[in-house]
Amino acid sequence: MRNPWGHTEWDGDWSDKSSKWTPKLRKRLDHYDKDDGEFFIKYEDYLEYYGNTTITHYEPHYEYQCLQVKQARSSYTFAEIDVDMESHFYFYVQQNNPRLM
């Protein structure tokens, strides 16, 4: 996996500092102890510690904008987006699970 911000990595089994790595396996996978945001994690650990997955297709010419909205549970939030040219868009909307909060 890769943390796009490049810092803070998993520190359990198969992390950069894990004793499970052999020199041969590190070389074969070209994976070394670097603070580069890249890390390995067991599937079972991933399911336990990560609440969602986002797979992103990035192009250098993409424009990124973020709007964070906080609201009371009993209210509604609407967003209107005006576009003045033909384009392709990707939207990501996340709803937090109240059982985990």
PDB file of N, CA and C in Angstrom:
ATOM      1  N   MET A   1       0.839  -1.164   0.000  1.00  0.00           N
ATOM      2  CA  MET A   1       0.000   0.000   0.000  1.00  0.00           C
ATOM      3  C   MET A   1       0.889   1.232   0.000  1.00  0.00           C
ATOM      4  N   ARG A   2       0.254   2.369  -0.246  1.00  0.00           N
ATOM      5  CA  ARG A   2       1.014   3.617  -0.263  1.00  0.00           C
ATOM      6  C   ARG A   2       0.192   4.732   0.359  1.00  0.00           C
ATOM      7  N   ASN A   3       0.788   5.428   1.294  1.00  0.00           N
ATOM      8  CA  ASN A   3       0.195   6.628   1.862  1.00  0.00           C
ATOM      9  C   ASN A   3       0.589   7.776   0.934  1.00  0.00           C
ATOM     10  N   PRO A   4      -0.370   8.432   0.262  1.00  0.00           N
ATOM     11  CA  PRO A   4      -0.011   9.455  -0.729  1.00  0.00           C
ATOM     12  C   PRO A   4       0.717  10.657  -0.148  1.00  0.00           C
ATOM     13  N   TRP A   5       0.628  10.875   1.159  1.00  0.00           N
ATOM     14  CA  TRP A   5       1.334  11.991   1.780  1.00  0.00           C
ATOM     15  C   TRP A   5       2.768  11.604   2.124  1.00  0.00           C
ATOM     16  N   GLY A   6       3.102  10.316   2.011  1.00  0.00           N
ATOM     17  CA  GLY A   6       4.481   9.867   2.138  1.00  0.00           C
ATOM     18  C   GLY A   6       5.012   9.674   3.541  1.00  0.00           C
ATOM     19  N   HIS A   7       4.206   9.871   4.545  1.00  0.00           N
ATOM     20  CA  HIS A   7       4.669   9.701   5.920  1.00  0.00           C
ATOM     21  C   HIS A   7       3.613   8.933   6.700  1.00  0.00           C
ATOM     22  N   THR A   8       4.012   8.367   7.801  1.00  0.00           N
ATOM     23  CA  THR A   8       3.149   7.572   8.675  1.00  0.00           C
ATOM     24  C   THR A   8       2.778   6.271   7.978  1.00  0.00           C
ATOM     25  N   GLU A   9       3.380   5.210   8.431  1.00  0.00           N
ATOM     26  CA  GLU A   9       3.153   3.905   7.827  1.00  0.00           C
ATOM     27  C   GLU A   9       2.672   2.908   8.866  1.00  0.00           C
ATOM     28  N   TRP A  10       2.108   1.845   8.396  1.00  0.00           N
ATOM     29  CA  TRP A  10       1.692   0.710   9.203  1.00  0.00           C
ATOM     30  C   TRP A  10       2.895   0.217   9.994  1.00  0.00           C
ATOM     31  N   ASP A  11       2.682  -0.188  11.263  1.00  0.00           N
ATOM     32  CA  ASP A  11       3.816  -0.677  12.052  1.00  0.00           C
ATOM     33  C   ASP A  11       3.602  -2.082  12.607  1.00  0.00           C
ATOM     34  N   GLY A  12       2.689  -2.842  12.021  1.00  0.00           N
ATOM     35  CA  GLY A  12       2.451  -4.224  12.442  1.00  0.00           C
ATOM     36  C   GLY A  12       3.230  -5.208  11.583  1.00  0.00           C
ATOM     37  N   ASP A  13       2.707  -6.452  11.490  1.00  0.00           N
ATOM     38  CA  ASP A  13       3.348  -7.479  10.668  1.00  0.00           C
ATOM     39  C   ASP A  13       3.538  -6.976   9.242  1.00  0.00           C
ATOM     40  N   TRP A  14       4.684  -7.222   8.692  1.00  0.00           N
ATOM     41  CA  TRP A  14       5.094  -6.878   7.335  1.00  0.00           C
ATOM     42  C   TRP A  14       5.317  -5.381   7.125  1.00  0.00           C
ATOM     43  N   SER A  15       5.376  -4.617   8.216  1.00  0.00           N
ATOM     44  CA  SER A  15       5.767  -3.209   8.098  1.00  0.00           C
ATOM     45  C   SER A  15       7.254  -3.154   7.748  1.00  0.00           C
ATOM     46  N   ASP A  16       7.763  -1.966   7.474  1.00  0.00           N
ATOM     47  CA  ASP A  16       9.180  -1.834   7.098  1.00  0.00           C
ATOM     48  C   ASP A  16      10.120  -2.446   8.127  1.00  0.00           C
ATOM     49  N   LYS A  17       9.795  -2.308   9.393  1.00  0.00           N
ATOM     50  CA  LYS A  17      10.685  -2.787  10.456  1.00  0.00           C
ATOM     51  C   LYS A  17      10.332  -4.189  10.960  1.00  0.00           C
ATOM     52  N   SER A  18       9.366  -4.847  10.347  1.00  0.00           N
ATOM     53  CA  SER A  18       8.911  -6.166  10.787  1.00  0.00           C
ATOM     54  C   SER A  18      10.025  -7.211  10.677  1.00  0.00           C
ATOM     55  N   SER A  19      10.074  -8.092  11.665  1.00  0.00           N
ATOM     56  CA  SER A  19      11.066  -9.179  11.645  1.00  0.00           C
ATOM     57  C   SER A  19      10.676 -10.284  10.666  1.00  0.00           C
ATOM     58  N   LYS A  20       9.507 -10.210  10.076  1.00  0.00           N
ATOM     59  CA  LYS A  20       9.067 -11.227   9.115  1.00  0.00           C
ATOM     60  C   LYS A  20       9.822 -11.128   7.783  1.00  0.00           C
ATOM     61  N   TRP A  21      10.409  -9.963   7.491  1.00  0.00           N
ATOM     62  CA  TRP A  21      11.143  -9.783   6.245  1.00  0.00           C
ATOM     63  C   TRP A  21      12.489 -10.498   6.296  1.00  0.00           C
ATOM     64  N   THR A  22      12.795 -11.247   5.251  1.00  0.00           N
ATOM     65  CA  THR A  22      14.136 -11.814   5.097  1.00  0.00           C
ATOM     66  C   THR A  22      14.879 -10.934   4.083  1.00  0.00           C
ATOM     67  N   PRO A  23      16.204 -10.912   4.137  1.00  0.00           N
ATOM     68  CA  PRO A  23      16.946 -10.124   3.148  1.00  0.00           C
ATOM     69  C   PRO A  23      16.599 -10.532   1.712  1.00  0.00           C
ATOM     70  N   LYS A  24      16.405 -11.831   1.495  1.00  0.00           N
ATOM     71  CA  LYS A  24      16.086 -12.329   0.153  1.00  0.00           C
ATOM     72  C   LYS A  24      14.734 -11.793  -0.323  1.00  0.00           C
ATOM     73  N   LEU A  25      13.735 -11.817   0.563  1.00  0.00           N
ATOM     74  CA  LEU A  25      12.403 -11.338   0.191  1.00  0.00           C
ATOM     75  C   LEU A  25      12.404  -9.824  -0.031  1.00  0.00           C
ATOM     76  N   ARG A  26      13.113  -9.085   0.813  1.00  0.00           N
ATOM     77  CA  ARG A  26      13.217  -7.630   0.622  1.00  0.00           C
ATOM     78  C   ARG A  26      13.800  -7.314  -0.757  1.00  0.00           C
ATOM     79  N   LYS A  27      14.859  -8.041  -1.118  1.00  0.00           N
ATOM     80  CA  LYS A  27      15.496  -7.799  -2.412  1.00  0.00           C
ATOM     81  C   LYS A  27      14.556  -8.168  -3.556  1.00  0.00           C
ATOM     82  N   ARG A  28      13.887  -9.306  -3.425  1.00  0.00           N
ATOM     83  CA  ARG A  28      12.990  -9.769  -4.489  1.00  0.00           C
ATOM     84  C   ARG A  28      11.858  -8.774  -4.749  1.00  0.00           C
ATOM     85  N   LEU A  29      11.328  -8.175  -3.664  1.00  0.00           N
ATOM     86  CA  LEU A  29      10.227  -7.221  -3.808  1.00  0.00           C
ATOM     87  C   LEU A  29      10.709  -5.772  -3.860  1.00  0.00           C
ATOM     88  N   ASP A  30      12.031  -5.591  -3.815  1.00  0.00           N
ATOM     89  CA  ASP A  30      12.628  -4.254  -3.829  1.00  0.00           C
ATOM     90  C   ASP A  30      11.984  -3.362  -2.761  1.00  0.00           C
ATOM     91  N   HIS A  31      11.872  -3.909  -1.552  1.00  0.00           N
ATOM     92  CA  HIS A  31      11.224  -3.194  -0.443  1.00  0.00           C
ATOM     93  C   HIS A  31      12.190  -3.067   0.725  1.00  0.00           C
ATOM     94  N   TYR A  32      12.485  -1.822   1.086  1.00  0.00           N
ATOM     95  CA  TYR A  32      13.451  -1.568   2.151  1.00  0.00           C
ATOM     96  C   TYR A  32      12.855  -0.608   3.170  1.00  0.00           C
ATOM     97  N   ASP A  33      13.507  -0.469   4.295  1.00  0.00           N
ATOM     98  CA  ASP A  33      13.031   0.380   5.386  1.00  0.00           C
ATOM     99  C   ASP A  33      13.290   1.848   5.049  1.00  0.00           C
ATOM    100  N   LYS A  34      12.312   2.471   4.385  1.00  0.00           N
ATOM    101  CA  LYS A  34      12.411   3.883   4.012  1.00  0.00           C
ATOM    102  C   LYS A  34      11.122   4.576   4.443  1.00  0.00           C
ATOM    103  N   ASP A  35      11.209   5.826   4.827  1.00  0.00           N
ATOM    104  CA  ASP A  35      10.016   6.603   5.174  1.00  0.00           C
ATOM    105  C   ASP A  35       9.448   7.207   3.894  1.00  0.00           C
ATOM    106  N   ASP A  36       8.914   6.321   3.031  1.00  0.00           N
ATOM    107  CA  ASP A  36       8.428   6.744   1.722  1.00  0.00           C
ATOM    108  C   ASP A  36       6.919   6.594   1.574  1.00  0.00           C
ATOM    109  N   GLY A  37       6.245   6.166   2.639  1.00  0.00           N
ATOM    110  CA  GLY A  37       4.798   5.996   2.580  1.00  0.00           C
ATOM    111  C   GLY A  37       4.356   4.655   2.030  1.00  0.00           C
ATOM    112  N   GLU A  38       5.264   3.841   1.522  1.00  0.00           N
ATOM    113  CA  GLU A  38       4.905   2.531   0.980  1.00  0.00           C
ATOM    114  C   GLU A  38       5.070   1.465   2.048  1.00  0.00           C
ATOM    115  N   PHE A  39       4.091   0.562   2.124  1.00  0.00           N
ATOM    116  CA  PHE A  39       4.174  -0.496   3.130  1.00  0.00           C
ATOM    117  C   PHE A  39       3.344  -1.699   2.713  1.00  0.00           C
ATOM    118  N   PHE A  40       3.667  -2.835   3.308  1.00  0.00           N
ATOM    119  CA  PHE A  40       2.913  -4.068   3.122  1.00  0.00           C
ATOM    120  C   PHE A  40       2.095  -4.311   4.379  1.00  0.00           C
ATOM    121  N   ILE A  41       0.936  -4.951   4.212  1.00  0.00           N
ATOM    122  CA  ILE A  41       0.066  -5.261   5.344  1.00  0.00           C
ATOM    123  C   ILE A  41      -0.705  -6.533   5.015  1.00  0.00           C
ATOM    124  N   LYS A  42      -0.898  -7.392   6.013  1.00  0.00           N
ATOM    125  CA  LYS A  42      -1.703  -8.602   5.797  1.00  0.00           C
ATOM    126  C   LYS A  42      -3.146  -8.193   5.505  1.00  0.00           C
ATOM    127  N   TYR A  43      -3.802  -8.956   4.654  1.00  0.00           N
ATOM    128  CA  TYR A  43      -5.190  -8.664   4.288  1.00  0.00           C
ATOM    129  C   TYR A  43      -6.091  -8.626   5.521  1.00  0.00           C
ATOM    130  N   GLU A  44      -5.902  -9.556   6.442  1.00  0.00           N
ATOM    131  CA  GLU A  44      -6.733  -9.606   7.654  1.00  0.00           C
ATOM    132  C   GLU A  44      -6.537  -8.344   8.499  1.00  0.00           C
ATOM    133  N   ASP A  45      -5.296  -7.858   8.600  1.00  0.00           N
ATOM    134  CA  ASP A  45      -5.031  -6.620   9.338  1.00  0.00           C
ATOM    135  C   ASP A  45      -5.656  -5.425   8.628  1.00  0.00           C
ATOM    136  N   TYR A  46      -5.577  -5.425   7.313  1.00  0.00           N
ATOM    137  CA  TYR A  46      -6.192  -4.338   6.548  1.00  0.00           C
ATOM    138  C   TYR A  46      -7.689  -4.256   6.846  1.00  0.00           C
ATOM    139  N   LEU A  47      -8.367  -5.392   6.801  1.00  0.00           N
ATOM    140  CA  LEU A  47      -9.807  -5.406   7.062  1.00  0.00           C
ATOM    141  C   LEU A  47     -10.129  -4.938   8.480  1.00  0.00           C
ATOM    142  N   GLU A  48      -9.251  -5.247   9.423  1.00  0.00           N
ATOM    143  CA  GLU A  48      -9.496  -4.864  10.816  1.00  0.00           C
ATOM    144  C   GLU A  48      -9.250  -3.376  11.070  1.00  0.00           C
ATOM    145  N   TYR A  49      -8.247  -2.789  10.438  1.00  0.00           N
ATOM    146  CA  TYR A  49      -7.828  -1.432  10.787  1.00  0.00           C
ATOM    147  C   TYR A  49      -8.226  -0.341   9.802  1.00  0.00           C
ATOM    148  N   TYR A  50      -8.651  -0.703   8.614  1.00  0.00           N
ATOM    149  CA  TYR A  50      -9.001   0.315   7.623  1.00  0.00           C
ATOM    150  C   TYR A  50     -10.487   0.245   7.303  1.00  0.00           C
ATOM    151  N   GLY A  51     -11.150   1.401   7.355  1.00  0.00           N
ATOM    152  CA  GLY A  51     -12.594   1.454   7.188  1.00  0.00           C
ATOM    153  C   GLY A  51     -13.069   1.551   5.757  1.00  0.00           C
ATOM    154  N   ASN A  52     -12.218   2.010   4.847  1.00  0.00           N
ATOM    155  CA  ASN A  52     -12.648   2.116   3.455  1.00  0.00           C
ATOM    156  C   ASN A  52     -11.435   2.058   2.540  1.00  0.00           C
ATOM    157  N   THR A  53     -11.716   1.923   1.264  1.00  0.00           N
ATOM    158  CA  THR A  53     -10.667   1.853   0.257  1.00  0.00           C
ATOM    159  C   THR A  53     -11.017   2.800  -0.875  1.00  0.00           C
ATOM    160  N   THR A  54     -10.055   3.573  -1.313  1.00  0.00           N
ATOM    161  CA  THR A  54     -10.247   4.440  -2.462  1.00  0.00           C
ATOM    162  C   THR A  54      -9.160   4.112  -3.469  1.00  0.00           C
ATOM    163  N   ILE A  55      -9.552   3.772  -4.667  1.00  0.00           N
ATOM    164  CA  ILE A  55      -8.593   3.523  -5.739  1.00  0.00           C
ATOM    165  C   ILE A  55      -8.683   4.712  -6.680  1.00  0.00           C
ATOM    166  N   THR A  56      -7.576   5.378  -6.882  1.00  0.00           N
ATOM    167  CA  THR A  56      -7.576   6.622  -7.633  1.00  0.00           C
ATOM    168  C   THR A  56      -6.763   6.472  -8.908  1.00  0.00           C
ATOM    169  N   HIS A  57      -7.303   7.009  -9.969  1.00  0.00           N
ATOM    170  CA  HIS A  57      -6.551   7.105 -11.218  1.00  0.00           C
ATOM    171  C   HIS A  57      -6.122   8.560 -11.346  1.00  0.00           C
ATOM    172  N   TYR A  58      -4.838   8.809 -11.303  1.00  0.00           N
ATOM    173  CA  TYR A  58      -4.312  10.178 -11.306  1.00  0.00           C
ATOM    174  C   TYR A  58      -3.692  10.521 -12.650  1.00  0.00           C
ATOM    175  N   GLU A  59      -3.986  11.692 -13.130  1.00  0.00           N
ATOM    176  CA  GLU A  59      -3.348  12.244 -14.320  1.00  0.00           C
ATOM    177  C   GLU A  59      -2.746  13.589 -13.928  1.00  0.00           C
ATOM    178  N   PRO A  60      -1.560  13.923 -14.415  1.00  0.00           N
ATOM    179  CA  PRO A  60      -0.899  15.172 -14.013  1.00  0.00           C
ATOM    180  C   PRO A  60      -1.728  16.430 -14.275  1.00  0.00           C
ATOM    181  N   HIS A  61      -2.606  16.398 -15.262  1.00  0.00           N
ATOM    182  CA  HIS A  61      -3.387  17.591 -15.596  1.00  0.00           C
ATOM    183  C   HIS A  61      -4.691  17.706 -14.794  1.00  0.00           C
ATOM    184  N   TYR A  62      -4.969  16.738 -13.920  1.00  0.00           N
ATOM    185  CA  TYR A  62      -6.189  16.795 -13.112  1.00  0.00           C
ATOM    186  C   TYR A  62      -6.141  17.981 -12.156  1.00  0.00           C
ATOM    187  N   GLU A  63      -7.299  18.545 -11.906  1.00  0.00           N
ATOM    188  CA  GLU A  63      -7.430  19.589 -10.895  1.00  0.00           C
ATOM    189  C   GLU A  63      -8.185  18.995  -9.714  1.00  0.00           C
ATOM    190  N   TYR A  64      -7.681  19.225  -8.524  1.00  0.00           N
ATOM    191  CA  TYR A  64      -8.260  18.636  -7.323  1.00  0.00           C
ATOM    192  C   TYR A  64      -8.815  19.738  -6.438  1.00  0.00           C
ATOM    193  N   GLN A  65     -10.049  19.549  -5.982  1.00  0.00           N
ATOM    194  CA  GLN A  65     -10.641  20.477  -5.026  1.00  0.00           C
ATOM    195  C   GLN A  65     -11.385  19.668  -3.989  1.00  0.00           C
ATOM    196  N   CYS A  66     -11.380  20.156  -2.764  1.00  0.00           N
ATOM    197  CA  CYS A  66     -12.005  19.429  -1.669  1.00  0.00           C
ATOM    198  C   CYS A  66     -12.925  20.361  -0.897  1.00  0.00           C
ATOM    199  N   LEU A  67     -14.084  19.866  -0.541  1.00  0.00           N
ATOM    200  CA  LEU A  67     -15.035  20.599   0.283  1.00  0.00           C
ATOM    201  C   LEU A  67     -15.405  19.698   1.441  1.00  0.00           C
ATOM    202  N   GLN A  68     -15.092  20.130   2.653  1.00  0.00           N
ATOM    203  CA  GLN A  68     -15.423  19.345   3.837  1.00  0.00           C
ATOM    204  C   GLN A  68     -16.634  19.979   4.499  1.00  0.00           C
ATOM    205  N   VAL A  69     -17.650  19.174   4.750  1.00  0.00           N
ATOM    206  CA  VAL A  69     -18.892  19.679   5.332  1.00  0.00           C
ATOM    207  C   VAL A  69     -19.194  18.890   6.590  1.00  0.00           C
ATOM    208  N   LYS A  70     -19.454  19.600   7.686  1.00  0.00           N
ATOM    209  CA  LYS A  70     -19.879  18.952   8.927  1.00  0.00           C
ATOM    210  C   LYS A  70     -21.307  19.398   9.194  1.00  0.00           C
ATOM    211  N   GLN A  71     -22.119  18.471   9.645  1.00  0.00           N
ATOM    212  CA  GLN A  71     -23.522  18.797   9.869  1.00  0.00           C
ATOM    213  C   GLN A  71     -24.086  17.968  11.000  1.00  0.00           C
ATOM    214  N   ALA A  72     -25.207  18.431  11.533  1.00  0.00           N
ATOM    215  CA  ALA A  72     -25.920  17.667  12.557  1.00  0.00           C
ATOM    216  C   ALA A  72     -26.610  16.490  11.888  1.00  0.00           C
ATOM    217  N   ARG A  73     -26.831  15.434  12.638  1.00  0.00           N
ATOM    218  CA  ARG A  73     -27.455  14.231  12.068  1.00  0.00           C
ATOM    219  C   ARG A  73     -28.850  14.496  11.499  1.00  0.00           C
ATOM    220  N   SER A  74     -29.570  15.440  12.066  1.00  0.00           N
ATOM    221  CA  SER A  74     -30.953  15.675  11.641  1.00  0.00           C
ATOM    222  C   SER A  74     -31.059  16.695  10.513  1.00  0.00           C
ATOM    223  N   SER A  75     -29.940  17.164   9.974  1.00  0.00           N
ATOM    224  CA  SER A  75     -29.995  18.171   8.916  1.00  0.00           C
ATOM    225  C   SER A  75     -29.560  17.572   7.577  1.00  0.00           C
ATOM    226  N   TYR A  76     -29.758  18.340   6.527  1.00  0.00           N
ATOM    227  CA  TYR A  76     -29.376  17.926   5.180  1.00  0.00           C
ATOM    228  C   TYR A  76     -28.400  18.940   4.608  1.00  0.00           C
ATOM    229  N   THR A  77     -27.491  18.477   3.774  1.00  0.00           N
ATOM    230  CA  THR A  77     -26.557  19.364   3.095  1.00  0.00           C
ATOM    231  C   THR A  77     -26.665  19.112   1.601  1.00  0.00           C
ATOM    232  N   PHE A  78     -26.698  20.191   0.842  1.00  0.00           N
ATOM    233  CA  PHE A  78     -26.768  20.101  -0.607  1.00  0.00           C
ATOM    234  C   PHE A  78     -25.583  20.850  -1.197  1.00  0.00           C
ATOM    235  N   ALA A  79     -25.099  20.390  -2.319  1.00  0.00           N
ATOM    236  CA  ALA A  79     -24.018  21.079  -3.025  1.00  0.00           C
ATOM    237  C   ALA A  79     -24.440  21.256  -4.471  1.00  0.00           C
ATOM    238  N   GLU A  80     -24.197  22.427  -5.000  1.00  0.00           N
ATOM    239  CA  GLU A  80     -24.480  22.695  -6.407  1.00  0.00           C
ATOM    240  C   GLU A  80     -23.159  22.993  -7.096  1.00  0.00           C
ATOM    241  N   ILE A  81     -22.935  22.352  -8.229  1.00  0.00           N
ATOM    242  CA  ILE A  81     -21.689  22.529  -8.963  1.00  0.00           C
ATOM    243  C   ILE A  81     -22.031  23.048 -10.348  1.00  0.00           C
ATOM    244  N   ASP A  82     -21.526  24.221 -10.665  1.00  0.00           N
ATOM    245  CA  ASP A  82     -21.740  24.818 -11.983  1.00  0.00           C
ATOM    246  C   ASP A  82     -20.507  24.569 -12.839  1.00  0.00           C
ATOM    247  N   VAL A  83     -20.717  24.022 -14.033  1.00  0.00           N
ATOM    248  CA  VAL A  83     -19.621  23.702 -14.944  1.00  0.00           C
ATOM    249  C   VAL A  83     -19.841  24.477 -16.229  1.00  0.00           C
ATOM    250  N   ASP A  84     -18.818  25.219 -16.658  1.00  0.00           N
ATOM    251  CA  ASP A  84     -18.987  26.056 -17.846  1.00  0.00           C
ATOM    252  C   ASP A  84     -18.305  25.495 -19.096  1.00  0.00           C
ATOM    253  N   MET A  85     -17.865  24.233 -19.023  1.00  0.00           N
ATOM    254  CA  MET A  85     -17.292  23.600 -20.213  1.00  0.00           C
ATOM    255  C   MET A  85     -17.479  22.087 -20.120  1.00  0.00           C
ATOM    256  N   GLU A  86     -17.439  21.416 -21.260  1.00  0.00           N
ATOM    257  CA  GLU A  86     -17.578  19.965 -21.268  1.00  0.00           C
ATOM    258  C   GLU A  86     -16.326  19.346 -20.661  1.00  0.00           C
ATOM    259  N   SER A  87     -16.531  18.444 -19.692  1.00  0.00           N
ATOM    260  CA  SER A  87     -15.409  17.835 -18.981  1.00  0.00           C
ATOM    261  C   SER A  87     -15.811  16.483 -18.433  1.00  0.00           C
ATOM    262  N   HIS A  88     -14.840  15.759 -17.916  1.00  0.00           N
ATOM    263  CA  HIS A  88     -15.081  14.524 -17.183  1.00  0.00           C
ATOM    264  C   HIS A  88     -14.808  14.812 -15.718  1.00  0.00           C
ATOM    265  N   PHE A  89     -15.647  14.262 -14.835  1.00  0.00           N
ATOM    266  CA  PHE A  89     -15.503  14.535 -13.411  1.00  0.00           C
ATOM    267  C   PHE A  89     -15.553  13.246 -12.613  1.00  0.00           C
ATOM    268  N   TYR A  90     -14.847  13.245 -11.506  1.00  0.00           N
ATOM    269  CA  TYR A  90     -14.896  12.157 -10.539  1.00  0.00           C
ATOM    270  C   TYR A  90     -15.262  12.771  -9.199  1.00  0.00           C
ATOM    271  N   PHE A  91     -16.236  12.170  -8.526  1.00  0.00           N
ATOM    272  CA  PHE A  91     -16.656  12.658  -7.221  1.00  0.00           C
ATOM    273  C   PHE A  91     -16.487  11.546  -6.200  1.00  0.00           C
ATOM    274  N   TYR A  92     -16.047  11.916  -5.036  1.00  0.00           N
ATOM    275  CA  TYR A  92     -15.903  10.966  -3.933  1.00  0.00           C
ATOM    276  C   TYR A  92     -16.682  11.523  -2.758  1.00  0.00           C
ATOM    277  N   VAL A  93     -17.626  10.752  -2.277  1.00  0.00           N
ATOM    278  CA  VAL A  93     -18.440  11.155  -1.136  1.00  0.00           C
ATOM    279  C   VAL A  93     -18.310  10.071  -0.086  1.00  0.00           C
ATOM    280  N   GLN A  94     -18.076  10.473   1.143  1.00  0.00           N
ATOM    281  CA  GLN A  94     -17.907   9.504   2.224  1.00  0.00           C
ATOM    282  C   GLN A  94     -18.904   9.792   3.324  1.00  0.00           C
ATOM    283  N   GLN A  95     -19.551   8.744   3.785  1.00  0.00           N
ATOM    284  CA  GLN A  95     -20.454   8.842   4.926  1.00  0.00           C
ATOM    285  C   GLN A  95     -19.840   8.027   6.051  1.00  0.00           C
ATOM    286  N   ASN A  96     -19.529   8.686   7.158  1.00  0.00           N
ATOM    287  CA  ASN A  96     -18.924   7.981   8.286  1.00  0.00           C
ATOM    288  C   ASN A  96     -19.921   7.038   8.928  1.00  0.00           C
ATOM    289  N   ASN A  97     -19.429   5.918   9.395  1.00  0.00           N
ATOM    290  CA  ASN A  97     -20.257   4.934  10.076  1.00  0.00           C
ATOM    291  C   ASN A  97     -20.404   5.358  11.535  1.00  0.00           C
ATOM    292  N   PRO A  98     -21.617   5.702  11.992  1.00  0.00           N
ATOM    293  CA  PRO A  98     -21.789   6.183  13.369  1.00  0.00           C
ATOM    294  C   PRO A  98     -21.386   5.155  14.420  1.00  0.00           C
ATOM    295  N   ARG A  99     -21.375   3.869  14.079  1.00  0.00           N
ATOM    296  CA  ARG A  99     -20.963   2.846  15.043  1.00  0.00           C
ATOM    297  C   ARG A  99     -19.476   2.920  15.343  1.00  0.00           C
ATOM    298  N   LEU A 100     -18.703   3.539  14.462  1.00  0.00           N
ATOM    299  CA  LEU A 100     -17.260   3.627  14.650  1.00  0.00           C
ATOM    300  C   LEU A 100     -16.829   4.967  15.234  1.00  0.00           C
ATOM    301  N   MET A 101     -17.767   5.839  15.483  1.00  0.00           N
ATOM    302  CA  MET A 101     -17.431   7.184  15.979  1.00  0.00           C
ATOM    303  C   MET A 101     -17.640   7.290  17.468  1.00  0.00           C
TER     304      MET A 101
END
